[in-house]
Amino acid sequence: MAPRITYKRRHAYNTRSNKIVKKRLPGGSLGIAYVKKTTKGAQTPAGDAGRIHGVPRVATQKYSRKHMSKNKKSVTRAYGGVLSAGAVRERIVRAFLVEEQKIVKKVLKLQAAKEGK
């Protein structure tokens, strides 16, 4: 029969905040290590719901000035720490296509005016 292990802290229920993993200690005995909660990390507000690559995946409190410097919270591109690369690319392409459409309309209008004379 495997040796039983007990929690080190007062809280004795297997909740989200009280997860443990069994570890073999140097003396050969069995111990436990508490596992930190995983977070979603930085998300984009756009519809693609993607993660922002290059921004560390830490708890919300750790993004404060006290724990993390400004250059670690963003990426060097337009909308660096706010939008993912895919979202930025989509915005650029959409803006380009809108401008192209305006130019095409203008050209068609000029052609129609020449034919009307």
PDB file of N, CA and C in Angstrom:
ATOM      1  N   MET A   1       0.832  -1.182   0.000  1.00  0.00           N
ATOM      2  CA  MET A   1       0.000   0.000   0.000  1.00  0.00           C
ATOM      3  C   MET A   1       0.885   1.257   0.000  1.00  0.00           C
ATOM      4  N   ALA A   2       0.499   2.255  -0.811  1.00  0.00           N
ATOM      5  CA  ALA A   2       1.284   3.477  -0.934  1.00  0.00           C
ATOM      6  C   ALA A   2       1.191   4.307   0.344  1.00  0.00           C
ATOM      7  N   PRO A   3       2.293   5.001   0.700  1.00  0.00           N
ATOM      8  CA  PRO A   3       2.248   5.824   1.913  1.00  0.00           C
ATOM      9  C   PRO A   3       1.288   7.002   1.741  1.00  0.00           C
ATOM     10  N   ARG A   4       0.567   7.311   2.809  1.00  0.00           N
ATOM     11  CA  ARG A   4      -0.379   8.432   2.749  1.00  0.00           C
ATOM     12  C   ARG A   4       0.368   9.741   2.929  1.00  0.00           C
ATOM     13  N   ILE A   5      -0.189  10.788   2.310  1.00  0.00           N
ATOM     14  CA  ILE A   5       0.401  12.122   2.482  1.00  0.00           C
ATOM     15  C   ILE A   5      -0.660  13.061   3.030  1.00  0.00           C
ATOM     16  N   THR A   6      -0.236  14.067   3.756  1.00  0.00           N
ATOM     17  CA  THR A   6      -1.173  15.035   4.328  1.00  0.00           C
ATOM     18  C   THR A   6      -0.795  16.436   3.877  1.00  0.00           C
ATOM     19  N   TYR A   7      -1.800  17.319   3.900  1.00  0.00           N
ATOM     20  CA  TYR A   7      -1.561  18.714   3.548  1.00  0.00           C
ATOM     21  C   TYR A   7      -0.652  19.373   4.574  1.00  0.00           C
ATOM     22  N   LYS A   8       0.158  20.352   4.130  1.00  0.00           N
ATOM     23  CA  LYS A   8       1.038  21.074   5.039  1.00  0.00           C
ATOM     24  C   LYS A   8       0.308  22.250   5.686  1.00  0.00           C
ATOM     25  N   ARG A   9      -0.636  22.823   4.939  1.00  0.00           N
ATOM     26  CA  ARG A   9      -1.339  24.014   5.413  1.00  0.00           C
ATOM     27  C   ARG A   9      -2.639  23.626   6.113  1.00  0.00           C
ATOM     28  N   ARG A  10      -3.305  24.606   6.708  1.00  0.00           N
ATOM     29  CA  ARG A  10      -4.516  24.359   7.486  1.00  0.00           C
ATOM     30  C   ARG A  10      -5.684  23.867   6.629  1.00  0.00           C
ATOM     31  N   HIS A  11      -5.772  24.354   5.395  1.00  0.00           N
ATOM     32  CA  HIS A  11      -6.897  24.042   4.531  1.00  0.00           C
ATOM     33  C   HIS A  11      -6.816  22.590   4.072  1.00  0.00           C
ATOM     34  N   ALA A  12      -7.839  21.780   4.381  1.00  0.00           N
ATOM     35  CA  ALA A  12      -7.728  20.338   4.167  1.00  0.00           C
ATOM     36  C   ALA A  12      -8.614  19.785   3.051  1.00  0.00           C
ATOM     37  N   TYR A  13      -9.100  20.663   2.149  1.00  0.00           N
ATOM     38  CA  TYR A  13      -9.947  20.184   1.062  1.00  0.00           C
ATOM     39  C   TYR A  13      -9.265  20.404  -0.278  1.00  0.00           C
ATOM     40  N   ASN A  14      -9.578  19.536  -1.235  1.00  0.00           N
ATOM     41  CA  ASN A  14      -8.954  19.607  -2.557  1.00  0.00           C
ATOM     42  C   ASN A  14      -9.672  20.622  -3.434  1.00  0.00           C
ATOM     43  N   THR A  15      -9.432  21.898  -3.173  1.00  0.00           N
ATOM     44  CA  THR A  15     -10.084  22.968  -3.923  1.00  0.00           C
ATOM     45  C   THR A  15      -9.138  23.508  -4.993  1.00  0.00           C
ATOM     46  N   ARG A  16      -9.620  24.448  -5.780  1.00  0.00           N
ATOM     47  CA  ARG A  16      -8.794  25.047  -6.845  1.00  0.00           C
ATOM     48  C   ARG A  16      -7.536  25.710  -6.290  1.00  0.00           C
ATOM     49  N   SER A  17      -7.671  26.310  -5.111  1.00  0.00           N
ATOM     50  CA  SER A  17      -6.541  27.036  -4.535  1.00  0.00           C
ATOM     51  C   SER A  17      -5.655  26.149  -3.670  1.00  0.00           C
ATOM     52  N   ASN A  18      -6.016  24.870  -3.517  1.00  0.00           N
ATOM     53  CA  ASN A  18      -5.274  23.991  -2.608  1.00  0.00           C
ATOM     54  C   ASN A  18      -4.774  22.734  -3.330  1.00  0.00           C
ATOM     55  N   LYS A  19      -4.368  22.875  -4.580  1.00  0.00           N
ATOM     56  CA  LYS A  19      -3.886  21.726  -5.348  1.00  0.00           C
ATOM     57  C   LYS A  19      -2.464  21.360  -4.925  1.00  0.00           C
ATOM     58  N   ILE A  20      -2.196  20.059  -4.863  1.00  0.00           N
ATOM     59  CA  ILE A  20      -0.861  19.598  -4.502  1.00  0.00           C
ATOM     60  C   ILE A  20      -0.389  18.557  -5.504  1.00  0.00           C
ATOM     61  N   VAL A  21       0.919  18.332  -5.525  1.00  0.00           N
ATOM     62  CA  VAL A  21       1.504  17.278  -6.342  1.00  0.00           C
ATOM     63  C   VAL A  21       2.479  16.501  -5.450  1.00  0.00           C
ATOM     64  N   LYS A  22       2.485  15.193  -5.612  1.00  0.00           N
ATOM     65  CA  LYS A  22       3.373  14.360  -4.794  1.00  0.00           C
ATOM     66  C   LYS A  22       4.796  14.483  -5.306  1.00  0.00           C
ATOM     67  N   LYS A  23       5.743  14.620  -4.385  1.00  0.00           N
ATOM     68  CA  LYS A  23       7.164  14.733  -4.737  1.00  0.00           C
ATOM     69  C   LYS A  23       7.974  13.760  -3.900  1.00  0.00           C
ATOM     70  N   ARG A  24       8.967  13.183  -4.523  1.00  0.00           N
ATOM     71  CA  ARG A  24       9.881  12.300  -3.792  1.00  0.00           C
ATOM     72  C   ARG A  24      10.979  13.182  -3.198  1.00  0.00           C
ATOM     73  N   LEU A  25      11.148  13.153  -1.901  1.00  0.00           N
ATOM     74  CA  LEU A  25      12.137  13.987  -1.224  1.00  0.00           C
ATOM     75  C   LEU A  25      13.506  13.300  -1.222  1.00  0.00           C
ATOM     76  N   PRO A  26      14.576  14.069  -0.996  1.00  0.00           N
ATOM     77  CA  PRO A  26      15.922  13.500  -1.060  1.00  0.00           C
ATOM     78  C   PRO A  26      16.151  12.280  -0.172  1.00  0.00           C
ATOM     79  N   GLY A  27      15.520  12.200   0.982  1.00  0.00           N
ATOM     80  CA  GLY A  27      15.697  11.050   1.874  1.00  0.00           C
ATOM     81  C   GLY A  27      14.942   9.811   1.417  1.00  0.00           C
ATOM     82  N   GLY A  28      14.211   9.921   0.312  1.00  0.00           N
ATOM     83  CA  GLY A  28      13.439   8.792  -0.190  1.00  0.00           C
ATOM     84  C   GLY A  28      11.997   8.811   0.256  1.00  0.00           C
ATOM     85  N   SER A  29      11.670   9.733   1.150  1.00  0.00           N
ATOM     86  CA  SER A  29      10.292   9.807   1.621  1.00  0.00           C
ATOM     87  C   SER A  29       9.423  10.570   0.625  1.00  0.00           C
ATOM     88  N   LEU A  30       8.111  10.483   0.812  1.00  0.00           N
ATOM     89  CA  LEU A  30       7.167  11.129  -0.085  1.00  0.00           C
ATOM     90  C   LEU A  30       6.671  12.421   0.548  1.00  0.00           C
ATOM     91  N   GLY A  31       6.711  13.518  -0.215  1.00  0.00           N
ATOM     92  CA  GLY A  31       6.242  14.806   0.287  1.00  0.00           C
ATOM     93  C   GLY A  31       5.287  15.431  -0.706  1.00  0.00           C
ATOM     94  N   ILE A  32       4.881  16.666  -0.433  1.00  0.00           N
ATOM     95  CA  ILE A  32       3.983  17.362  -1.349  1.00  0.00           C
ATOM     96  C   ILE A  32       4.544  18.727  -1.704  1.00  0.00           C
ATOM     97  N   ALA A  33       4.098  19.232  -2.860  1.00  0.00           N
ATOM     98  CA  ALA A  33       4.411  20.594  -3.267  1.00  0.00           C
ATOM     99  C   ALA A  33       3.103  21.230  -3.722  1.00  0.00           C
ATOM    100  N   TYR A  34       2.844  22.453  -3.290  1.00  0.00           N
ATOM    101  CA  TYR A  34       1.623  23.141  -3.689  1.00  0.00           C
ATOM    102  C   TYR A  34       1.794  23.693  -5.098  1.00  0.00           C
ATOM    103  N   VAL A  35       0.746  23.565  -5.909  1.00  0.00           N
ATOM    104  CA  VAL A  35       0.772  24.001  -7.303  1.00  0.00           C
ATOM    105  C   VAL A  35       0.058  25.344  -7.403  1.00  0.00           C
ATOM    106  N   LYS A  36       0.708  26.316  -8.066  1.00  0.00           N
ATOM    107  CA  LYS A  36       0.076  27.618  -8.248  1.00  0.00           C
ATOM    108  C   LYS A  36      -1.015  27.527  -9.296  1.00  0.00           C
ATOM    109  N   LYS A  37      -2.017  28.397  -9.186  1.00  0.00           N
ATOM    110  CA  LYS A  37      -3.105  28.418 -10.160  1.00  0.00           C
ATOM    111  C   LYS A  37      -2.585  28.937 -11.492  1.00  0.00           C
ATOM    112  N   THR A  38      -3.084  28.377 -12.597  1.00  0.00           N
ATOM    113  CA  THR A  38      -2.726  28.877 -13.923  1.00  0.00           C
ATOM    114  C   THR A  38      -3.700  29.978 -14.315  1.00  0.00           C
ATOM    115  N   THR A  39      -3.225  30.917 -15.113  1.00  0.00           N
ATOM    116  CA  THR A  39      -4.068  32.027 -15.541  1.00  0.00           C
ATOM    117  C   THR A  39      -4.229  32.019 -17.054  1.00  0.00           C
ATOM    118  N   LYS A  40      -5.216  32.757 -17.527  1.00  0.00           N
ATOM    119  CA  LYS A  40      -5.428  32.872 -18.970  1.00  0.00           C
ATOM    120  C   LYS A  40      -4.342  33.743 -19.600  1.00  0.00           C
ATOM    121  N   GLY A  41      -3.814  34.691 -18.859  1.00  0.00           N
ATOM    122  CA  GLY A  41      -2.806  35.591 -19.392  1.00  0.00           C
ATOM    123  C   GLY A  41      -3.451  36.729 -20.161  1.00  0.00           C
ATOM    124  N   ALA A  42      -2.628  37.504 -20.852  1.00  0.00           N
ATOM    125  CA  ALA A  42      -3.125  38.669 -21.588  1.00  0.00           C
ATOM    126  C   ALA A  42      -3.961  38.225 -22.774  1.00  0.00           C
ATOM    127  N   GLN A  43      -5.161  38.783 -22.904  1.00  0.00           N
ATOM    128  CA  GLN A  43      -6.092  38.432 -23.984  1.00  0.00           C
ATOM    129  C   GLN A  43      -6.344  39.655 -24.846  1.00  0.00           C
ATOM    130  N   THR A  44      -6.758  39.408 -26.088  1.00  0.00           N
ATOM    131  CA  THR A  44      -7.115  40.517 -26.969  1.00  0.00           C
ATOM    132  C   THR A  44      -8.596  40.846 -26.776  1.00  0.00           C
ATOM    133  N   PRO A  45      -8.952  42.129 -26.817  1.00  0.00           N
ATOM    134  CA  PRO A  45     -10.367  42.481 -26.673  1.00  0.00           C
ATOM    135  C   PRO A  45     -11.162  42.206 -27.940  1.00  0.00           C
ATOM    136  N   ALA A  46     -10.471  41.973 -29.051  1.00  0.00           N
ATOM    137  CA  ALA A  46     -11.150  41.733 -30.331  1.00  0.00           C
ATOM    138  C   ALA A  46     -11.833  40.366 -30.339  1.00  0.00           C
ATOM    139  N   GLY A  47     -12.521  40.076 -31.411  1.00  0.00           N
ATOM    140  CA  GLY A  47     -13.318  38.854 -31.504  1.00  0.00           C
ATOM    141  C   GLY A  47     -12.520  37.567 -31.601  1.00  0.00           C
ATOM    142  N   ASP A  48     -11.229  37.631 -31.987  1.00  0.00           N
ATOM    143  CA  ASP A  48     -10.459  36.395 -32.172  1.00  0.00           C
ATOM    144  C   ASP A  48     -10.101  35.719 -30.852  1.00  0.00           C
ATOM    145  N   ALA A  49     -10.241  36.434 -29.743  1.00  0.00           N
ATOM    146  CA  ALA A  49      -9.981  35.899 -28.392  1.00  0.00           C
ATOM    147  C   ALA A  49      -8.639  35.187 -28.295  1.00  0.00           C
ATOM    148  N   GLY A  50      -7.627  35.747 -28.939  1.00  0.00           N
ATOM    149  CA  GLY A  50      -6.304  35.138 -28.925  1.00  0.00           C
ATOM    150  C   GLY A  50      -5.437  35.667 -27.807  1.00  0.00           C
ATOM    151  N   ARG A  51      -4.368  34.934 -27.532  1.00  0.00           N
ATOM    152  CA  ARG A  51      -3.412  35.384 -26.535  1.00  0.00           C
ATOM    153  C   ARG A  51      -2.387  36.289 -27.195  1.00  0.00           C
ATOM    154  N   ILE A  52      -1.815  37.183 -26.416  1.00  0.00           N
ATOM    155  CA  ILE A  52      -0.776  38.072 -26.926  1.00  0.00           C
ATOM    156  C   ILE A  52       0.560  37.401 -26.660  1.00  0.00           C
ATOM    157  N   HIS A  53       1.225  36.963 -27.713  1.00  0.00           N
ATOM    158  CA  HIS A  53       2.500  36.276 -27.562  1.00  0.00           C
ATOM    159  C   HIS A  53       3.579  37.261 -27.144  1.00  0.00           C
ATOM    160  N   GLY A  54       4.436  36.828 -26.220  1.00  0.00           N
ATOM    161  CA  GLY A  54       5.520  37.675 -25.738  1.00  0.00           C
ATOM    162  C   GLY A  54       5.220  38.333 -24.408  1.00  0.00           C
ATOM    163  N   VAL A  55       3.948  38.314 -24.000  1.00  0.00           N
ATOM    164  CA  VAL A  55       3.579  38.859 -22.694  1.00  0.00           C
ATOM    165  C   VAL A  55       3.442  37.688 -21.729  1.00  0.00           C
ATOM    166  N   PRO A  56       4.145  37.712 -20.603  1.00  0.00           N
ATOM    167  CA  PRO A  56       4.117  36.566 -19.686  1.00  0.00           C
ATOM    168  C   PRO A  56       2.720  36.264 -19.152  1.00  0.00           C
ATOM    169  N   ARG A  57       2.481  34.988 -18.902  1.00  0.00           N
ATOM    170  CA  ARG A  57       1.170  34.504 -18.457  1.00  0.00           C
ATOM    171  C   ARG A  57       1.167  34.411 -16.934  1.00  0.00           C
ATOM    172  N   VAL A  58       0.984  35.550 -16.284  1.00  0.00           N
ATOM    173  CA  VAL A  58       1.019  35.587 -14.827  1.00  0.00           C
ATOM    174  C   VAL A  58      -0.304  36.119 -14.282  1.00  0.00           C
ATOM    175  N   ALA A  59      -0.496  36.021 -12.961  1.00  0.00           N
ATOM    176  CA  ALA A  59      -1.712  36.510 -12.316  1.00  0.00           C
ATOM    177  C   ALA A  59      -1.839  38.013 -12.508  1.00  0.00           C
ATOM    178  N   THR A  60      -3.067  38.504 -12.503  1.00  0.00           N
ATOM    179  CA  THR A  60      -3.352  39.912 -12.778  1.00  0.00           C
ATOM    180  C   THR A  60      -2.574  40.850 -11.861  1.00  0.00           C
ATOM    181  N   GLN A  61      -2.444  40.508 -10.591  1.00  0.00           N
ATOM    182  CA  GLN A  61      -1.737  41.373  -9.643  1.00  0.00           C
ATOM    183  C   GLN A  61      -0.269  41.544 -10.026  1.00  0.00           C
ATOM    184  N   LYS A  62       0.310  40.549 -10.680  1.00  0.00           N
ATOM    185  CA  LYS A  62       1.733  40.584 -11.017  1.00  0.00           C
ATOM    186  C   LYS A  62       2.041  41.544 -12.168  1.00  0.00           C
ATOM    187  N   TYR A  63       0.999  42.055 -12.867  1.00  0.00           N
ATOM    188  CA  TYR A  63       1.227  43.009 -13.948  1.00  0.00           C
ATOM    189  C   TYR A  63       1.463  44.417 -13.417  1.00  0.00           C
ATOM    190  N   SER A  64       1.369  44.621 -12.105  1.00  0.00           N
ATOM    191  CA  SER A  64       1.541  45.952 -11.545  1.00  0.00           C
ATOM    192  C   SER A  64       2.993  46.407 -11.689  1.00  0.00           C
ATOM    193  N   ARG A  65       3.194  47.707 -11.533  1.00  0.00           N
ATOM    194  CA  ARG A  65       4.530  48.300 -11.653  1.00  0.00           C
ATOM    195  C   ARG A  65       5.498  47.694 -10.639  1.00  0.00           C
ATOM    196  N   LYS A  66       4.962  47.292  -9.502  1.00  0.00           N
ATOM    197  CA  LYS A  66       5.772  46.746  -8.410  1.00  0.00           C
ATOM    198  C   LYS A  66       6.432  45.422  -8.807  1.00  0.00           C
ATOM    199  N   HIS A  67       5.724  44.589  -9.558  1.00  0.00           N
ATOM    200  CA  HIS A  67       6.208  43.247  -9.875  1.00  0.00           C
ATOM    201  C   HIS A  67       6.835  43.113 -11.264  1.00  0.00           C
ATOM    202  N   MET A  68       6.384  43.907 -12.236  1.00  0.00           N
ATOM    203  CA  MET A  68       6.853  43.712 -13.608  1.00  0.00           C
ATOM    204  C   MET A  68       7.101  45.049 -14.302  1.00  0.00           C
ATOM    205  N   SER A  69       8.243  45.160 -14.980  1.00  0.00           N
ATOM    206  CA  SER A  69       8.576  46.408 -15.662  1.00  0.00           C
ATOM    207  C   SER A  69       7.747  46.554 -16.937  1.00  0.00           C
ATOM    208  N   LYS A  70       7.678  47.780 -17.449  1.00  0.00           N
ATOM    209  CA  LYS A  70       6.814  48.107 -18.579  1.00  0.00           C
ATOM    210  C   LYS A  70       7.195  47.335 -19.844  1.00  0.00           C
ATOM    211  N   ASN A  71       8.502  47.147 -20.081  1.00  0.00           N
ATOM    212  CA  ASN A  71       8.920  46.486 -21.319  1.00  0.00           C
ATOM    213  C   ASN A  71       8.578  44.996 -21.344  1.00  0.00           C
ATOM    214  N   LYS A  72       8.284  44.419 -20.193  1.00  0.00           N
ATOM    215  CA  LYS A  72       7.899  43.000 -20.153  1.00  0.00           C
ATOM    216  C   LYS A  72       6.405  42.815 -20.374  1.00  0.00           C
ATOM    217  N   LYS A  73       5.640  43.912 -20.296  1.00  0.00           N
ATOM    218  CA  LYS A  73       4.188  43.831 -20.422  1.00  0.00           C
ATOM    219  C   LYS A  73       3.697  44.107 -21.839  1.00  0.00           C
ATOM    220  N   SER A  74       4.603  44.442 -22.753  1.00  0.00           N
ATOM    221  CA  SER A  74       4.174  44.747 -24.123  1.00  0.00           C
ATOM    222  C   SER A  74       5.145  44.138 -25.131  1.00  0.00           C
ATOM    223  N   VAL A  75       4.771  44.235 -26.395  1.00  0.00           N
ATOM    224  CA  VAL A  75       5.573  43.703 -27.496  1.00  0.00           C
ATOM    225  C   VAL A  75       5.866  44.873 -28.430  1.00  0.00           C
ATOM    226  N   THR A  76       7.027  44.873 -29.092  1.00  0.00           N
ATOM    227  CA  THR A  76       7.402  46.007 -29.935  1.00  0.00           C
ATOM    228  C   THR A  76       6.751  45.914 -31.313  1.00  0.00           C
ATOM    229  N   ARG A  77       5.503  46.345 -31.374  1.00  0.00           N
ATOM    230  CA  ARG A  77       4.780  46.527 -32.639  1.00  0.00           C
ATOM    231  C   ARG A  77       3.589  47.422 -32.313  1.00  0.00           C
ATOM    232  N   ALA A  78       2.877  47.850 -33.321  1.00  0.00           N
ATOM    233  CA  ALA A  78       1.687  48.676 -33.102  1.00  0.00           C
ATOM    234  C   ALA A  78       0.697  47.894 -32.251  1.00  0.00           C
ATOM    235  N   TYR A  79       0.089  48.552 -31.293  1.00  0.00           N
ATOM    236  CA  TYR A  79      -0.841  47.918 -30.338  1.00  0.00           C
ATOM    237  C   TYR A  79      -0.166  46.746 -29.626  1.00  0.00           C
ATOM    238  N   GLY A  80       1.108  46.890 -29.259  1.00  0.00           N
ATOM    239  CA  GLY A  80       1.925  45.815 -28.712  1.00  0.00           C
ATOM    240  C   GLY A  80       1.333  44.972 -27.607  1.00  0.00           C
ATOM    241  N   GLY A  81       0.982  45.539 -26.482  1.00  0.00           N
ATOM    242  CA  GLY A  81       0.472  44.742 -25.378  1.00  0.00           C
ATOM    243  C   GLY A  81      -1.033  44.652 -25.344  1.00  0.00           C
ATOM    244  N   VAL A  82      -1.698  45.144 -26.413  1.00  0.00           N
ATOM    245  CA  VAL A  82      -3.154  45.208 -26.423  1.00  0.00           C
ATOM    246  C   VAL A  82      -3.760  44.196 -27.388  1.00  0.00           C
ATOM    247  N   LEU A  83      -3.274  44.188 -28.632  1.00  0.00           N
ATOM    248  CA  LEU A  83      -3.825  43.291 -29.652  1.00  0.00           C
ATOM    249  C   LEU A  83      -2.805  42.233 -30.057  1.00  0.00           C
ATOM    250  N   SER A  84      -3.301  41.075 -30.455  1.00  0.00           N
ATOM    251  CA  SER A  84      -2.407  40.018 -30.941  1.00  0.00           C
ATOM    252  C   SER A  84      -1.944  40.379 -32.355  1.00  0.00           C
ATOM    253  N   ALA A  85      -0.919  39.693 -32.839  1.00  0.00           N
ATOM    254  CA  ALA A  85      -0.370  39.970 -34.164  1.00  0.00           C
ATOM    255  C   ALA A  85      -1.430  39.770 -35.239  1.00  0.00           C
ATOM    256  N   GLY A  86      -2.237  38.731 -35.094  1.00  0.00           N
ATOM    257  CA  GLY A  86      -3.304  38.443 -36.067  1.00  0.00           C
ATOM    258  C   GLY A  86      -4.329  39.559 -36.130  1.00  0.00           C
ATOM    259  N   ALA A  87      -4.690  40.102 -34.969  1.00  0.00           N
ATOM    260  CA  ALA A  87      -5.683  41.181 -34.916  1.00  0.00           C
ATOM    261  C   ALA A  87      -5.135  42.448 -35.570  1.00  0.00           C
ATOM    262  N   VAL A  88      -3.849  42.749 -35.343  1.00  0.00           N
ATOM    263  CA  VAL A  88      -3.224  43.924 -35.951  1.00  0.00           C
ATOM    264  C   VAL A  88      -3.176  43.764 -37.469  1.00  0.00           C
ATOM    265  N   ARG A  89      -2.782  42.562 -37.927  1.00  0.00           N
ATOM    266  CA  ARG A  89      -2.728  42.282 -39.360  1.00  0.00           C
ATOM    267  C   ARG A  89      -4.104  42.465 -40.003  1.00  0.00           C
ATOM    268  N   GLU A  90      -5.128  41.979 -39.325  1.00  0.00           N
ATOM    269  CA  GLU A  90      -6.499  42.087 -39.830  1.00  0.00           C
ATOM    270  C   GLU A  90      -6.915  43.545 -39.976  1.00  0.00           C
ATOM    271  N   ARG A  91      -6.575  44.362 -38.987  1.00  0.00           N
ATOM    272  CA  ARG A  91      -6.894  45.791 -39.033  1.00  0.00           C
ATOM    273  C   ARG A  91      -6.208  46.476 -40.212  1.00  0.00           C
ATOM    274  N   ILE A  92      -4.922  46.147 -40.420  1.00  0.00           N
ATOM    275  CA  ILE A  92      -4.153  46.766 -41.507  1.00  0.00           C
ATOM    276  C   ILE A  92      -4.757  46.399 -42.852  1.00  0.00           C
ATOM    277  N   VAL A  93      -5.058  45.111 -43.036  1.00  0.00           N
ATOM    278  CA  VAL A  93      -5.633  44.637 -44.301  1.00  0.00           C
ATOM    279  C   VAL A  93      -6.988  45.295 -44.552  1.00  0.00           C
ATOM    280  N   ARG A  94      -7.822  45.384 -43.501  1.00  0.00           N
ATOM    281  CA  ARG A  94      -9.149  45.993 -43.653  1.00  0.00           C
ATOM    282  C   ARG A  94      -9.029  47.457 -44.075  1.00  0.00           C
ATOM    283  N   ALA A  95      -8.106  48.194 -43.425  1.00  0.00           N
ATOM    284  CA  ALA A  95      -7.902  49.610 -43.754  1.00  0.00           C
ATOM    285  C   ALA A  95      -7.419  49.766 -45.199  1.00  0.00           C
ATOM    286  N   PHE A  96      -6.515  48.872 -45.615  1.00  0.00           N
ATOM    287  CA  PHE A  96      -5.991  48.911 -46.983  1.00  0.00           C
ATOM    288  C   PHE A  96      -7.109  48.667 -47.989  1.00  0.00           C
ATOM    289  N   LEU A  97      -7.951  47.675 -47.728  1.00  0.00           N
ATOM    290  CA  LEU A  97      -9.035  47.342 -48.656  1.00  0.00           C
ATOM    291  C   LEU A  97     -10.071  48.463 -48.745  1.00  0.00           C
ATOM    292  N   VAL A  98     -10.341  49.128 -47.636  1.00  0.00           N
ATOM    293  CA  VAL A  98     -11.279  50.252 -47.633  1.00  0.00           C
ATOM    294  C   VAL A  98     -10.736  51.376 -48.518  1.00  0.00           C
ATOM    295  N   GLU A  99      -9.438  51.691 -48.380  1.00  0.00           N
ATOM    296  CA  GLU A  99      -8.817  52.734 -49.206  1.00  0.00           C
ATOM    297  C   GLU A  99      -8.851  52.354 -50.685  1.00  0.00           C
ATOM    298  N   GLU A 100      -8.554  51.096 -50.983  1.00  0.00           N
ATOM    299  CA  GLU A 100      -8.593  50.617 -52.371  1.00  0.00           C
ATOM    300  C   GLU A 100      -9.988  50.777 -52.958  1.00  0.00           C
ATOM    301  N   GLN A 101     -10.996  50.469 -52.172  1.00  0.00           N
ATOM    302  CA  GLN A 101     -12.385  50.558 -52.635  1.00  0.00           C
ATOM    303  C   GLN A 101     -12.750  52.013 -52.946  1.00  0.00           C
ATOM    304  N   LYS A 102     -12.257  52.940 -52.136  1.00  0.00           N
ATOM    305  CA  LYS A 102     -12.508  54.360 -52.375  1.00  0.00           C
ATOM    306  C   LYS A 102     -11.906  54.792 -53.709  1.00  0.00           C
ATOM    307  N   ILE A 103     -10.668  54.325 -53.970  1.00  0.00           N
ATOM    308  CA  ILE A 103      -9.979  54.677 -55.215  1.00  0.00           C
ATOM    309  C   ILE A 103     -10.740  54.115 -56.414  1.00  0.00           C
ATOM    310  N   VAL A 104     -11.189  52.875 -56.316  1.00  0.00           N
ATOM    311  CA  VAL A 104     -11.943  52.231 -57.406  1.00  0.00           C
ATOM    312  C   VAL A 104     -13.232  53.000 -57.689  1.00  0.00           C
ATOM    313  N   LYS A 105     -13.952  53.407 -56.647  1.00  0.00           N
ATOM    314  CA  LYS A 105     -15.185  54.184 -56.817  1.00  0.00           C
ATOM    315  C   LYS A 105     -14.913  55.486 -57.551  1.00  0.00           C
ATOM    316  N   LYS A 106     -13.807  56.131 -57.158  1.00  0.00           N
ATOM    317  CA  LYS A 106     -13.438  57.419 -57.765  1.00  0.00           C
ATOM    318  C   LYS A 106     -13.153  57.251 -59.254  1.00  0.00           C
ATOM    319  N   VAL A 107     -12.392  56.195 -59.582  1.00  0.00           N
ATOM    320  CA  VAL A 107     -12.045  55.926 -60.982  1.00  0.00           C
ATOM    321  C   VAL A 107     -13.301  55.630 -61.800  1.00  0.00           C
ATOM    322  N   LEU A 108     -14.199  54.815 -61.273  1.00  0.00           N
ATOM    323  CA  LEU A 108     -15.438  54.469 -61.975  1.00  0.00           C
ATOM    324  C   LEU A 108     -16.307  55.709 -62.193  1.00  0.00           C
ATOM    325  N   LYS A 109     -16.315  56.604 -61.226  1.00  0.00           N
ATOM    326  CA  LYS A 109     -17.083  57.844 -61.328  1.00  0.00           C
ATOM    327  C   LYS A 109     -16.534  58.721 -62.455  1.00  0.00           C
ATOM    328  N   LEU A 110     -15.182  58.801 -62.526  1.00  0.00           N
ATOM    329  CA  LEU A 110     -14.537  59.597 -63.589  1.00  0.00           C
ATOM    330  C   LEU A 110     -14.833  59.012 -64.967  1.00  0.00           C
ATOM    331  N   GLN A 111     -14.773  57.667 -65.088  1.00  0.00           N
ATOM    332  CA  GLN A 111     -15.063  57.012 -66.351  1.00  0.00           C
ATOM    333  C   GLN A 111     -16.512  57.260 -66.795  1.00  0.00           C
ATOM    334  N   ALA A 112     -17.421  57.185 -65.831  1.00  0.00           N
ATOM    335  CA  ALA A 112     -18.843  57.417 -66.132  1.00  0.00           C
ATOM    336  C   ALA A 112     -19.050  58.850 -66.605  1.00  0.00           C
ATOM    337  N   ALA A 113     -18.326  59.799 -65.998  1.00  0.00           N
ATOM    338  CA  ALA A 113     -18.439  61.211 -66.385  1.00  0.00           C
ATOM    339  C   ALA A 113     -17.900  61.452 -67.787  1.00  0.00           C
ATOM    340  N   LYS A 114     -16.803  60.758 -68.169  1.00  0.00           N
ATOM    341  CA  LYS A 114     -16.212  60.898 -69.515  1.00  0.00           C
ATOM    342  C   LYS A 114     -17.149  60.327 -70.578  1.00  0.00           C
ATOM    343  N   GLU A 115     -17.780  59.196 -70.289  1.00  0.00           N
ATOM    344  CA  GLU A 115     -18.685  58.563 -71.241  1.00  0.00           C
ATOM    345  C   GLU A 115     -19.949  59.385 -71.415  1.00  0.00           C
ATOM    346  N   GLY A 116     -20.355  60.111 -70.414  1.00  0.00           N
ATOM    347  CA  GLY A 116     -21.562  60.908 -70.461  1.00  0.00           C
ATOM    348  C   GLY A 116     -21.431  62.148 -71.341  1.00  0.00           C
ATOM    349  N   LYS A 117     -20.222  62.616 -71.587  1.00  0.00           N
ATOM    350  CA  LYS A 117     -19.996  63.847 -72.387  1.00  0.00           C
ATOM    351  C   LYS A 117     -20.302  63.693 -73.835  1.00  0.00           C
TER     352      LYS A 117
END
